[in-house]
């Protein structure tokens, strides 16, 4: 997430009421999670296990809960609670905007697009040409939708990321300030849910088709011309490359990659990254041929036990 203008390190430190290490005029351009940071971004880290990863990332400003050696060309913001202060920044630069109409006056809707009754379109949404948005769809603020997109009834684009920190008093949510981006010729079935990125984009690329009741987690990127069948749950920060087929009731863990043209058979649990161009099945996931051999061998166990007796 980029800020509307360039800020200095000192300005950000004053906003958070925290110490800083580095040039007070060090430029701050935005804020992002570790997997999408760029130079000029703030990244936060609040556990020693991940200090080095954050300090060596592309981010040039690290919001951290301990004074450590600052890498050359970078700056530090020293906070007693980086998680809390990351939320402070999100609230400041991407505050919640109240809506009192079904279709925001700031929304941009392209020529030939049809919006069916009882649909909500939030602030600063952009929808391209010749789309069909069926009834009872909710499209949250800042969502971007391309041309020739079909979204069926009851789907929700832009809900918050499922991202929490456990505290003694309960769970503290990491506030989402990202977007959902839907490219041209995408089809989204009924009752699908697509969460926005925490600070970046959740993206579905050109030509991909989602069946009914598919969930897509925050910051996930789904490639071009993918097919994803009903009741599939895709976790956050997943990369699904082009022309992948995912059959029904598949679930994935977060932060993995599914290679181009892979086929994931129904009810598979995708527990790790997998190469493209192969078929996979089962939990834990394995190549389909190997998994089916294993199942065939299991069926032989009663016969083997009988012979042993």
C-alpha atoms as a PDB file:
ATOM      1  CA  UNK A   1       0.000   0.000   0.000  1.00  0.00           C
ATOM      2  CA  UNK A   2       1.527   3.290  -1.114  1.00  0.00           C
ATOM      3  CA  UNK A   3       0.878   6.509   0.774  1.00  0.00           C
ATOM      4  CA  UNK A   4      -0.716   9.450  -1.069  1.00  0.00           C
ATOM      5  CA  UNK A   5       2.522  11.405  -0.679  1.00  0.00           C
ATOM      6  CA  UNK A   6       6.084  10.840   0.479  1.00  0.00           C
ATOM      7  CA  UNK A   7       6.587  11.096   4.238  1.00  0.00           C
ATOM      8  CA  UNK A   8       9.758  11.437   6.281  1.00  0.00           C
ATOM      9  CA  UNK A   9      10.893   8.939   8.893  1.00  0.00           C
ATOM     10  CA  UNK A  10      10.422  11.600  11.551  1.00  0.00           C
ATOM     11  CA  UNK A  11       6.817  12.241  10.483  1.00  0.00           C
ATOM     12  CA  UNK A  12       5.966   8.544  10.757  1.00  0.00           C
ATOM     13  CA  UNK A  13       7.719   8.264  14.126  1.00  0.00           C
ATOM     14  CA  UNK A  14       5.720  11.235  15.430  1.00  0.00           C
ATOM     15  CA  UNK A  15       2.502   9.633  14.188  1.00  0.00           C
ATOM     16  CA  UNK A  16       3.341   6.452  16.108  1.00  0.00           C
ATOM     17  CA  UNK A  17       4.911   8.272  19.068  1.00  0.00           C
ATOM     18  CA  UNK A  18       7.970   6.029  18.843  1.00  0.00           C
ATOM     19  CA  UNK A  19      11.759   6.291  18.531  1.00  0.00           C
ATOM     20  CA  UNK A  20      13.549   5.959  15.228  1.00  0.00           C
ATOM     21  CA  UNK A  21      17.037   5.080  14.030  1.00  0.00           C
ATOM     22  CA  UNK A  22      18.207   6.674  10.811  1.00  0.00           C
ATOM     23  CA  UNK A  23      18.088   9.982   8.976  1.00  0.00           C
ATOM     24  CA  UNK A  24      15.026  11.932  10.086  1.00  0.00           C
ATOM     25  CA  UNK A  25      14.412  12.858   6.429  1.00  0.00           C
ATOM     26  CA  UNK A  26      14.602   9.227   5.234  1.00  0.00           C
ATOM     27  CA  UNK A  27      11.811   8.781   2.689  1.00  0.00           C
ATOM     28  CA  UNK A  28       8.834   6.559   3.505  1.00  0.00           C
ATOM     29  CA  UNK A  29       6.656   5.679   0.509  1.00  0.00           C
ATOM     30  CA  UNK A  30       4.250   3.074   1.883  1.00  0.00           C
ATOM     31  CA  UNK A  31       3.751  -0.040   3.994  1.00  0.00           C
ATOM     32  CA  UNK A  32       3.475  -3.715   3.113  1.00  0.00           C
ATOM     33  CA  UNK A  33       3.669  -7.275   4.358  1.00  0.00           C
ATOM     34  CA  UNK A  34       6.969  -9.097   4.112  1.00  0.00           C
ATOM     35  CA  UNK A  35       6.116 -11.034   0.922  1.00  0.00           C
ATOM     36  CA  UNK A  36       5.294  -7.946  -1.152  1.00  0.00           C
ATOM     37  CA  UNK A  37       7.595  -5.219   0.248  1.00  0.00           C
ATOM     38  CA  UNK A  38       9.519  -2.848  -1.975  1.00  0.00           C
ATOM     39  CA  UNK A  39      12.150  -0.179  -1.274  1.00  0.00           C
ATOM     40  CA  UNK A  40      10.487   2.723   0.554  1.00  0.00           C
ATOM     41  CA  UNK A  41       8.028   0.429   2.364  1.00  0.00           C
ATOM     42  CA  UNK A  42       7.554  -0.144   6.091  1.00  0.00           C
ATOM     43  CA  UNK A  43       7.448  -3.766   7.219  1.00  0.00           C
ATOM     44  CA  UNK A  44       6.699  -4.828  10.793  1.00  0.00           C
ATOM     45  CA  UNK A  45       8.245  -7.614  12.848  1.00  0.00           C
ATOM     46  CA  UNK A  46       7.543  -8.503  16.477  1.00  0.00           C
ATOM     47  CA  UNK A  47       9.253 -11.877  16.992  1.00  0.00           C
ATOM     48  CA  UNK A  48      13.019 -12.513  17.194  1.00  0.00           C
ATOM     49  CA  UNK A  49      12.633 -15.526  14.904  1.00  0.00           C
ATOM     50  CA  UNK A  50      11.784 -13.203  12.010  1.00  0.00           C
ATOM     51  CA  UNK A  51      14.084 -10.230  12.748  1.00  0.00           C
ATOM     52  CA  UNK A  52      16.681 -11.176  10.122  1.00  0.00           C
ATOM     53  CA  UNK A  53      14.061 -11.874   7.463  1.00  0.00           C
ATOM     54  CA  UNK A  54      12.535  -8.420   7.962  1.00  0.00           C
ATOM     55  CA  UNK A  55      15.874  -6.609   8.230  1.00  0.00           C
ATOM     56  CA  UNK A  56      17.185  -8.274   5.059  1.00  0.00           C
ATOM     57  CA  UNK A  57      13.954  -7.840   3.079  1.00  0.00           C
ATOM     58  CA  UNK A  58      13.401  -5.306   0.304  1.00  0.00           C
ATOM     59  CA  UNK A  59      11.697  -2.996   2.825  1.00  0.00           C
ATOM     60  CA  UNK A  60      13.858  -0.039   3.788  1.00  0.00           C
ATOM     61  CA  UNK A  61      11.995   0.841   7.002  1.00  0.00           C
ATOM     62  CA  UNK A  62      11.518  -1.836   9.676  1.00  0.00           C
ATOM     63  CA  UNK A  63       8.973  -1.381  12.477  1.00  0.00           C
ATOM     64  CA  UNK A  64      10.495  -3.534  15.233  1.00  0.00           C
ATOM     65  CA  UNK A  65      10.176  -4.080  18.987  1.00  0.00           C
ATOM     66  CA  UNK A  66      13.893  -4.134  19.803  1.00  0.00           C
ATOM     67  CA  UNK A  67      16.859  -1.870  19.163  1.00  0.00           C
ATOM     68  CA  UNK A  68      19.113  -3.774  16.766  1.00  0.00           C
ATOM     69  CA  UNK A  69      21.890  -2.842  14.348  1.00  0.00           C
ATOM     70  CA  UNK A  70      20.363  -1.004  11.422  1.00  0.00           C
ATOM     71  CA  UNK A  71      21.445  -2.315   7.992  1.00  0.00           C
ATOM     72  CA  UNK A  72      23.055   0.178   5.641  1.00  0.00           C
ATOM     73  CA  UNK A  73      20.580   2.159   3.582  1.00  0.00           C
ATOM     74  CA  UNK A  74      17.694   1.422   5.931  1.00  0.00           C
ATOM     75  CA  UNK A  75      15.914   2.907   8.934  1.00  0.00           C
ATOM     76  CA  UNK A  76      14.202   1.538  12.036  1.00  0.00           C
ATOM     77  CA  UNK A  77      11.061   2.499  13.935  1.00  0.00           C
ATOM     78  CA  UNK A  78      11.307   1.206  17.520  1.00  0.00           C
ATOM     79  CA  UNK A  79       7.904   0.287  18.944  1.00  0.00           C
ATOM     80  CA  UNK A  80       6.797  -1.594  22.046  1.00  0.00           C
ATOM     81  CA  UNK A  81       4.043  -3.168  19.886  1.00  0.00           C
ATOM     82  CA  UNK A  82       4.698  -3.232  16.106  1.00  0.00           C
ATOM     83  CA  UNK A  83       1.437  -5.094  15.400  1.00  0.00           C
ATOM     84  CA  UNK A  84      -0.586  -2.352  17.077  1.00  0.00           C
ATOM     85  CA  UNK A  85       1.360   0.408  15.346  1.00  0.00           C
ATOM     86  CA  UNK A  86       1.018  -1.216  11.927  1.00  0.00           C
ATOM     87  CA  UNK A  87      -2.736  -0.985  12.541  1.00  0.00           C
ATOM     88  CA  UNK A  88      -2.338   2.662  13.524  1.00  0.00           C
ATOM     89  CA  UNK A  89      -0.753   3.336  10.136  1.00  0.00           C
ATOM     90  CA  UNK A  90      -3.485   1.462   8.259  1.00  0.00           C
ATOM     91  CA  UNK A  91      -6.231   3.371  10.076  1.00  0.00           C
ATOM     92  CA  UNK A  92      -4.471   6.668   9.338  1.00  0.00           C
ATOM     93  CA  UNK A  93      -3.749   6.130   5.647  1.00  0.00           C
ATOM     94  CA  UNK A  94      -6.746   3.929   4.736  1.00  0.00           C
ATOM     95  CA  UNK A  95      -9.524   4.841   7.195  1.00  0.00           C
ATOM     96  CA  UNK A  96     -12.902   3.132   7.016  1.00  0.00           C
ATOM     97  CA  UNK A  97     -15.360   5.181   4.935  1.00  0.00           C
ATOM     98  CA  UNK A  98     -19.031   5.106   5.865  1.00  0.00           C
ATOM     99  CA  UNK A  99     -21.533   4.414   3.086  1.00  0.00           C
ATOM    100  CA  UNK A 100     -25.189   5.475   3.087  1.00  0.00           C
ATOM    101  CA  UNK A 101     -26.157   4.495  -0.476  1.00  0.00           C
ATOM    102  CA  UNK A 102     -26.148   1.179  -2.332  1.00  0.00           C
ATOM    103  CA  UNK A 103     -23.815   2.409  -5.074  1.00  0.00           C
ATOM    104  CA  UNK A 104     -21.205   4.968  -4.034  1.00  0.00           C
ATOM    105  CA  UNK A 105     -21.009   8.206  -5.990  1.00  0.00           C
ATOM    106  CA  UNK A 106     -17.233   7.680  -6.212  1.00  0.00           C
ATOM    107  CA  UNK A 107     -17.623   4.306  -7.966  1.00  0.00           C
ATOM    108  CA  UNK A 108     -16.729   4.136 -11.655  1.00  0.00           C
ATOM    109  CA  UNK A 109     -18.891   1.770 -13.724  1.00  0.00           C
ATOM    110  CA  UNK A 110     -18.123   1.092 -17.380  1.00  0.00           C
ATOM    111  CA  UNK A 111     -20.408   1.259 -20.392  1.00  0.00           C
ATOM    112  CA  UNK A 112     -22.715  -1.708 -20.868  1.00  0.00           C
ATOM    113  CA  UNK A 113     -22.288  -3.048 -17.335  1.00  0.00           C
ATOM    114  CA  UNK A 114     -25.492  -4.324 -15.679  1.00  0.00           C
ATOM    115  CA  UNK A 115     -25.950  -4.074 -11.916  1.00  0.00           C
ATOM    116  CA  UNK A 116     -28.852  -6.164 -10.608  1.00  0.00           C
ATOM    117  CA  UNK A 117     -30.966  -4.988  -7.614  1.00  0.00           C
ATOM    118  CA  UNK A 118     -29.742  -5.141  -4.012  1.00  0.00           C
ATOM    119  CA  UNK A 119     -26.077  -5.026  -4.945  1.00  0.00           C
ATOM    120  CA  UNK A 120     -23.695  -2.907  -2.842  1.00  0.00           C
ATOM    121  CA  UNK A 121     -20.807  -1.112  -4.548  1.00  0.00           C
ATOM    122  CA  UNK A 122     -18.447   0.686  -2.172  1.00  0.00           C
ATOM    123  CA  UNK A 123     -16.282   3.773  -2.331  1.00  0.00           C
ATOM    124  CA  UNK A 124     -13.747   4.178  -5.151  1.00  0.00           C
ATOM    125  CA  UNK A 125     -14.689   0.861  -6.801  1.00  0.00           C
ATOM    126  CA  UNK A 126     -13.832   0.568 -10.499  1.00  0.00           C
ATOM    127  CA  UNK A 127     -15.864  -1.769 -12.729  1.00  0.00           C
ATOM    128  CA  UNK A 128     -15.095  -2.147 -16.438  1.00  0.00           C
ATOM    129  CA  UNK A 129     -17.298  -2.512 -19.499  1.00  0.00           C
ATOM    130  CA  UNK A 130     -19.958  -5.141 -20.240  1.00  0.00           C
ATOM    131  CA  UNK A 131     -19.929  -6.766 -16.815  1.00  0.00           C
ATOM    132  CA  UNK A 132     -22.906  -8.500 -15.218  1.00  0.00           C
ATOM    133  CA  UNK A 133     -23.208  -8.156 -11.447  1.00  0.00           C
ATOM    134  CA  UNK A 134     -26.102 -10.230 -10.109  1.00  0.00           C
ATOM    135  CA  UNK A 135     -28.252  -9.384  -7.100  1.00  0.00           C
ATOM    136  CA  UNK A 136     -27.012  -9.240  -3.502  1.00  0.00           C
ATOM    137  CA  UNK A 137     -23.338  -8.984  -4.438  1.00  0.00           C
ATOM    138  CA  UNK A 138     -21.203  -6.861  -2.087  1.00  0.00           C
ATOM    139  CA  UNK A 139     -18.173  -5.132  -3.578  1.00  0.00           C
ATOM    140  CA  UNK A 140     -16.081  -3.411  -0.886  1.00  0.00           C
ATOM    141  CA  UNK A 141     -14.124  -0.165  -1.218  1.00  0.00           C
ATOM    142  CA  UNK A 142     -11.296   0.172  -3.759  1.00  0.00           C
ATOM    143  CA  UNK A 143     -12.066  -3.124  -5.546  1.00  0.00           C
ATOM    144  CA  UNK A 144     -11.030  -3.118  -9.218  1.00  0.00           C
ATOM    145  CA  UNK A 145     -12.952  -5.223 -11.760  1.00  0.00           C
ATOM    146  CA  UNK A 146     -12.041  -5.484 -15.447  1.00  0.00           C
ATOM    147  CA  UNK A 147     -14.189  -5.900 -18.558  1.00  0.00           C
ATOM    148  CA  UNK A 148     -16.639  -8.742 -19.322  1.00  0.00           C
ATOM    149  CA  UNK A 149     -16.699 -10.040 -15.745  1.00  0.00           C
ATOM    150  CA  UNK A 150     -19.686 -12.020 -14.418  1.00  0.00           C
ATOM    151  CA  UNK A 151     -20.319 -12.180 -10.665  1.00  0.00           C
ATOM    152  CA  UNK A 152     -23.218 -14.316  -9.471  1.00  0.00           C
ATOM    153  CA  UNK A 153     -25.606 -13.633  -6.624  1.00  0.00           C
ATOM    154  CA  UNK A 154     -24.447 -13.361  -3.044  1.00  0.00           C
ATOM    155  CA  UNK A 155     -20.705 -13.150  -3.660  1.00  0.00           C
ATOM    156  CA  UNK A 156     -18.568 -10.828  -1.527  1.00  0.00           C
ATOM    157  CA  UNK A 157     -15.416  -9.120  -2.789  1.00  0.00           C
ATOM    158  CA  UNK A 158     -13.158  -7.325  -0.323  1.00  0.00           C
ATOM    159  CA  UNK A 159     -13.883  -8.662   3.167  1.00  0.00           C
ATOM    160  CA  UNK A 160     -11.086  -8.416   5.751  1.00  0.00           C
ATOM    161  CA  UNK A 161      -8.169 -10.824   5.884  1.00  0.00           C
ATOM    162  CA  UNK A 162      -8.386 -13.614   8.460  1.00  0.00           C
ATOM    163  CA  UNK A 163      -5.267 -12.435  10.320  1.00  0.00           C
ATOM    164  CA  UNK A 164      -5.149 -12.204  14.135  1.00  0.00           C
ATOM    165  CA  UNK A 165      -2.639 -11.876  16.963  1.00  0.00           C
ATOM    166  CA  UNK A 166      -3.463 -13.739  20.156  1.00  0.00           C
ATOM    167  CA  UNK A 167      -3.383 -11.581  23.270  1.00  0.00           C
ATOM    168  CA  UNK A 168      -4.335 -12.371  26.896  1.00  0.00           C
ATOM    169  CA  UNK A 169      -7.662 -10.576  26.471  1.00  0.00           C
ATOM    170  CA  UNK A 170      -8.497 -12.200  23.125  1.00  0.00           C
ATOM    171  CA  UNK A 171      -7.638 -11.948  19.421  1.00  0.00           C
ATOM    172  CA  UNK A 172      -6.428  -8.670  17.903  1.00  0.00           C
ATOM    173  CA  UNK A 173      -7.151  -8.278  14.191  1.00  0.00           C
ATOM    174  CA  UNK A 174      -4.608  -6.984  11.721  1.00  0.00           C
ATOM    175  CA  UNK A 175      -6.585  -4.361   9.845  1.00  0.00           C
ATOM    176  CA  UNK A 176      -6.842  -4.842   6.080  1.00  0.00           C
ATOM    177  CA  UNK A 177      -6.028  -1.880   3.841  1.00  0.00           C
ATOM    178  CA  UNK A 178      -5.497  -3.709   0.554  1.00  0.00           C
ATOM    179  CA  UNK A 179      -7.700  -4.398  -2.469  1.00  0.00           C
ATOM    180  CA  UNK A 180      -9.279  -7.088  -4.608  1.00  0.00           C
ATOM    181  CA  UNK A 181      -8.336  -6.933  -8.302  1.00  0.00           C
ATOM    182  CA  UNK A 182     -10.356  -8.950 -10.830  1.00  0.00           C
ATOM    183  CA  UNK A 183      -9.026  -8.913 -14.394  1.00  0.00           C
ATOM    184  CA  UNK A 184     -10.951  -9.194 -17.694  1.00  0.00           C
ATOM    185  CA  UNK A 185     -13.218 -12.148 -18.560  1.00  0.00           C
ATOM    186  CA  UNK A 186     -13.266 -13.627 -15.061  1.00  0.00           C
ATOM    187  CA  UNK A 187     -16.323 -15.577 -13.910  1.00  0.00           C
ATOM    188  CA  UNK A 188     -17.233 -15.735 -10.213  1.00  0.00           C
ATOM    189  CA  UNK A 189     -19.969 -18.117  -9.087  1.00  0.00           C
ATOM    190  CA  UNK A 190     -22.647 -17.600  -6.459  1.00  0.00           C
ATOM    191  CA  UNK A 191     -21.738 -17.186  -2.791  1.00  0.00           C
ATOM    192  CA  UNK A 192     -18.002 -16.839  -3.353  1.00  0.00           C
ATOM    193  CA  UNK A 193     -15.881 -14.861  -0.883  1.00  0.00           C
ATOM    194  CA  UNK A 194     -12.686 -13.094  -1.922  1.00  0.00           C
ATOM    195  CA  UNK A 195     -10.785 -11.317   0.865  1.00  0.00           C
ATOM    196  CA  UNK A 196      -8.784  -8.175   0.174  1.00  0.00           C
ATOM    197  CA  UNK A 197      -5.059  -7.976   0.799  1.00  0.00           C
ATOM    198  CA  UNK A 198      -3.727  -6.799   4.138  1.00  0.00           C
ATOM    199  CA  UNK A 199      -1.775  -4.044   2.382  1.00  0.00           C
ATOM    200  CA  UNK A 200      -1.472  -5.410  -1.169  1.00  0.00           C
ATOM    201  CA  UNK A 201      -3.844  -6.971  -3.685  1.00  0.00           C
ATOM    202  CA  UNK A 202      -5.739 -10.228  -3.861  1.00  0.00           C
ATOM    203  CA  UNK A 203      -5.711 -10.853  -7.609  1.00  0.00           C
ATOM    204  CA  UNK A 204      -7.646 -13.103  -9.987  1.00  0.00           C
ATOM    205  CA  UNK A 205      -6.169 -12.899 -13.456  1.00  0.00           C
ATOM    206  CA  UNK A 206      -7.731 -12.885 -16.905  1.00  0.00           C
ATOM    207  CA  UNK A 207     -10.043 -15.682 -17.955  1.00  0.00           C
ATOM    208  CA  UNK A 208     -10.186 -17.592 -14.666  1.00  0.00           C
ATOM    209  CA  UNK A 209     -13.512 -19.140 -13.630  1.00  0.00           C
ATOM    210  CA  UNK A 210     -14.682 -19.811 -10.064  1.00  0.00           C
ATOM    211  CA  UNK A 211     -17.567 -22.159  -9.293  1.00  0.00           C
ATOM    212  CA  UNK A 212     -20.074 -21.457  -6.502  1.00  0.00           C
ATOM    213  CA  UNK A 213     -18.923 -21.263  -2.879  1.00  0.00           C
ATOM    214  CA  UNK A 214     -15.208 -20.769  -3.444  1.00  0.00           C
ATOM    215  CA  UNK A 215     -13.163 -18.884  -0.840  1.00  0.00           C
ATOM    216  CA  UNK A 216      -9.990 -16.959  -1.752  1.00  0.00           C
ATOM    217  CA  UNK A 217      -7.827 -15.715   1.122  1.00  0.00           C
ATOM    218  CA  UNK A 218      -5.971 -12.411   1.448  1.00  0.00           C
ATOM    219  CA  UNK A 219      -3.077 -11.518  -0.881  1.00  0.00           C
ATOM    220  CA  UNK A 220      -3.529 -14.668  -2.949  1.00  0.00           C
ATOM    221  CA  UNK A 221      -2.781 -14.450  -6.674  1.00  0.00           C
ATOM    222  CA  UNK A 222      -4.669 -16.747  -9.051  1.00  0.00           C
ATOM    223  CA  UNK A 223      -3.237 -16.897 -12.562  1.00  0.00           C
ATOM    224  CA  UNK A 224      -4.853 -16.803 -15.996  1.00  0.00           C
ATOM    225  CA  UNK A 225      -7.385 -19.362 -17.275  1.00  0.00           C
ATOM    226  CA  UNK A 226      -7.703 -21.366 -14.062  1.00  0.00           C
ATOM    227  CA  UNK A 227     -10.759 -23.471 -13.193  1.00  0.00           C
ATOM    228  CA  UNK A 228     -11.692 -23.777  -9.509  1.00  0.00           C
ATOM    229  CA  UNK A 229     -14.646 -25.960  -8.500  1.00  0.00           C
ATOM    230  CA  UNK A 230     -17.144 -25.576  -5.678  1.00  0.00           C
ATOM    231  CA  UNK A 231     -16.329 -25.587  -1.947  1.00  0.00           C
ATOM    232  CA  UNK A 232     -12.625 -25.005  -2.476  1.00  0.00           C
ATOM    233  CA  UNK A 233     -10.890 -22.991   0.234  1.00  0.00           C
ATOM    234  CA  UNK A 234      -7.692 -21.175  -0.759  1.00  0.00           C
ATOM    235  CA  UNK A 235      -5.682 -19.729   2.125  1.00  0.00           C
ATOM    236  CA  UNK A 236      -3.887 -16.391   2.207  1.00  0.00           C
ATOM    237  CA  UNK A 237      -0.697 -15.566   0.305  1.00  0.00           C
ATOM    238  CA  UNK A 238      -1.068 -18.487  -2.117  1.00  0.00           C
ATOM    239  CA  UNK A 239       0.216 -18.260  -5.698  1.00  0.00           C
ATOM    240  CA  UNK A 240      -1.723 -20.316  -8.243  1.00  0.00           C
ATOM    241  CA  UNK A 241      -0.030 -20.119 -11.617  1.00  0.00           C
ATOM    242  CA  UNK A 242      -1.741 -20.098 -15.034  1.00  0.00           C
ATOM    243  CA  UNK A 243      -4.151 -22.798 -16.266  1.00  0.00           C
ATOM    244  CA  UNK A 244      -4.409 -24.709 -12.996  1.00  0.00           C
ATOM    245  CA  UNK A 245      -7.499 -26.881 -12.449  1.00  0.00           C
ATOM    246  CA  UNK A 246      -8.739 -27.375  -8.884  1.00  0.00           C
ATOM    247  CA  UNK A 247     -11.667 -29.731  -8.323  1.00  0.00           C
ATOM    248  CA  UNK A 248     -14.226 -29.579  -5.515  1.00  0.00           C
ATOM    249  CA  UNK A 249     -13.613 -29.405  -1.771  1.00  0.00           C
ATOM    250  CA  UNK A 250      -9.883 -28.782  -2.044  1.00  0.00           C
ATOM    251  CA  UNK A 251      -8.195 -26.934   0.810  1.00  0.00           C
ATOM    252  CA  UNK A 252      -4.775 -25.284   0.867  1.00  0.00           C
ATOM    253  CA  UNK A 253      -2.350 -24.080   3.491  1.00  0.00           C
ATOM    254  CA  UNK A 254      -1.015 -20.513   3.255  1.00  0.00           C
ATOM    255  CA  UNK A 255       2.064 -19.257   1.472  1.00  0.00           C
ATOM    256  CA  UNK A 256       2.395 -22.045  -1.101  1.00  0.00           C
ATOM    257  CA  UNK A 257       2.673 -22.113  -4.902  1.00  0.00           C
ATOM    258  CA  UNK A 258       0.742 -24.389  -7.265  1.00  0.00           C
ATOM    259  CA  UNK A 259       2.596 -24.635 -10.557  1.00  0.00           C
ATOM    260  CA  UNK A 260       1.141 -23.897 -13.984  1.00  0.00           C
ATOM    261  CA  UNK A 261      -1.218 -26.490 -15.513  1.00  0.00           C
ATOM    262  CA  UNK A 262      -1.334 -28.595 -12.358  1.00  0.00           C
ATOM    263  CA  UNK A 263      -4.546 -30.544 -11.686  1.00  0.00           C
ATOM    264  CA  UNK A 264      -5.656 -30.889  -8.057  1.00  0.00           C
ATOM    265  CA  UNK A 265      -8.218 -33.677  -7.621  1.00  0.00           C
ATOM    266  CA  UNK A 266     -11.269 -33.295  -5.370  1.00  0.00           C
ATOM    267  CA  UNK A 267     -10.920 -33.268  -1.563  1.00  0.00           C
ATOM    268  CA  UNK A 268      -7.148 -32.892  -1.717  1.00  0.00           C
ATOM    269  CA  UNK A 269      -5.343 -31.050   1.069  1.00  0.00           C
ATOM    270  CA  UNK A 270      -2.587 -28.975  -0.526  1.00  0.00           C
ATOM    271  CA  UNK A 271      -0.094 -28.956   2.347  1.00  0.00           C
ATOM    272  CA  UNK A 272       2.957 -27.824   0.372  1.00  0.00           C
ATOM    273  CA  UNK A 273       3.982 -26.226  -2.919  1.00  0.00           C
ATOM    274  CA  UNK A 274       3.651 -28.496  -5.976  1.00  0.00           C
ATOM    275  CA  UNK A 275       5.148 -28.477  -9.450  1.00  0.00           C
ATOM    276  CA  UNK A 276       3.122 -27.640 -12.499  1.00  0.00           C
ATOM    277  CA  UNK A 277       2.015 -30.001 -15.236  1.00  0.00           C
ATOM    278  CA  UNK A 278       1.120 -32.892 -12.914  1.00  0.00           C
ATOM    279  CA  UNK A 279      -2.019 -34.329 -11.302  1.00  0.00           C
ATOM    280  CA  UNK A 280      -2.268 -34.480  -7.498  1.00  0.00           C
ATOM    281  CA  UNK A 281      -4.563 -36.157  -4.978  1.00  0.00           C
ATOM    282  CA  UNK A 282      -4.962 -36.849  -1.282  1.00  0.00           C
ATOM    283  CA  UNK A 283      -3.959 -35.503   2.111  1.00  0.00           C
ATOM    284  CA  UNK A 284      -1.076 -35.028   2.500  1.00  0.00           C
ATOM    285  CA  UNK A 285      -0.860 -34.196  -1.198  1.00  0.00           C
ATOM    286  CA  UNK A 286       1.002 -36.526  -3.581  1.00  0.00           C
ATOM    287  CA  UNK A 287       0.999 -37.188  -7.302  1.00  0.00           C
ATOM    288  CA  UNK A 288      -2.281 -38.896  -8.178  1.00  0.00           C
ATOM    289  CA  UNK A 289      -0.754 -42.058  -9.638  1.00  0.00           C
ATOM    290  CA  UNK A 290       1.365 -42.694  -6.538  1.00  0.00           C
ATOM    291  CA  UNK A 291      -1.500 -41.964  -4.136  1.00  0.00           C
ATOM    292  CA  UNK A 292      -3.882 -44.293  -6.000  1.00  0.00           C
ATOM    293  CA  UNK A 293      -1.254 -47.062  -5.905  1.00  0.00           C
ATOM    294  CA  UNK A 294      -1.043 -46.614  -2.136  1.00  0.00           C
ATOM    295  CA  UNK A 295      -4.821 -46.856  -1.779  1.00  0.00           C
ATOM    296  CA  UNK A 296      -4.868 -50.008  -3.906  1.00  0.00           C
ATOM    297  CA  UNK A 297      -2.186 -51.552  -1.691  1.00  0.00           C
ATOM    298  CA  UNK A 298      -4.130 -50.681   1.465  1.00  0.00           C
ATOM    299  CA  UNK A 299      -7.108 -52.630   0.113  1.00  0.00           C
ATOM    300  CA  UNK A 300      -4.875 -55.694  -0.080  1.00  0.00           C
ATOM    301  CA  UNK A 301      -4.053 -55.639   3.658  1.00  0.00           C
ATOM    302  CA  UNK A 302      -7.011 -57.850   4.762  1.00  0.00           C
ATOM    303  CA  UNK A 303      -6.043 -60.445   2.154  1.00  0.00           C
ATOM    304  CA  UNK A 304      -2.412 -60.377   3.292  1.00  0.00           C
ATOM    305  CA  UNK A 305      -3.437 -60.758   6.964  1.00  0.00           C
ATOM    306  CA  UNK A 306      -5.635 -63.743   6.072  1.00  0.00           C
ATOM    307  CA  UNK A 307      -2.735 -65.452   4.308  1.00  0.00           C
ATOM    308  CA  UNK A 308      -0.426 -64.803   7.298  1.00  0.00           C
ATOM    309  CA  UNK A 309      -2.927 -66.439   9.629  1.00  0.00           C
END
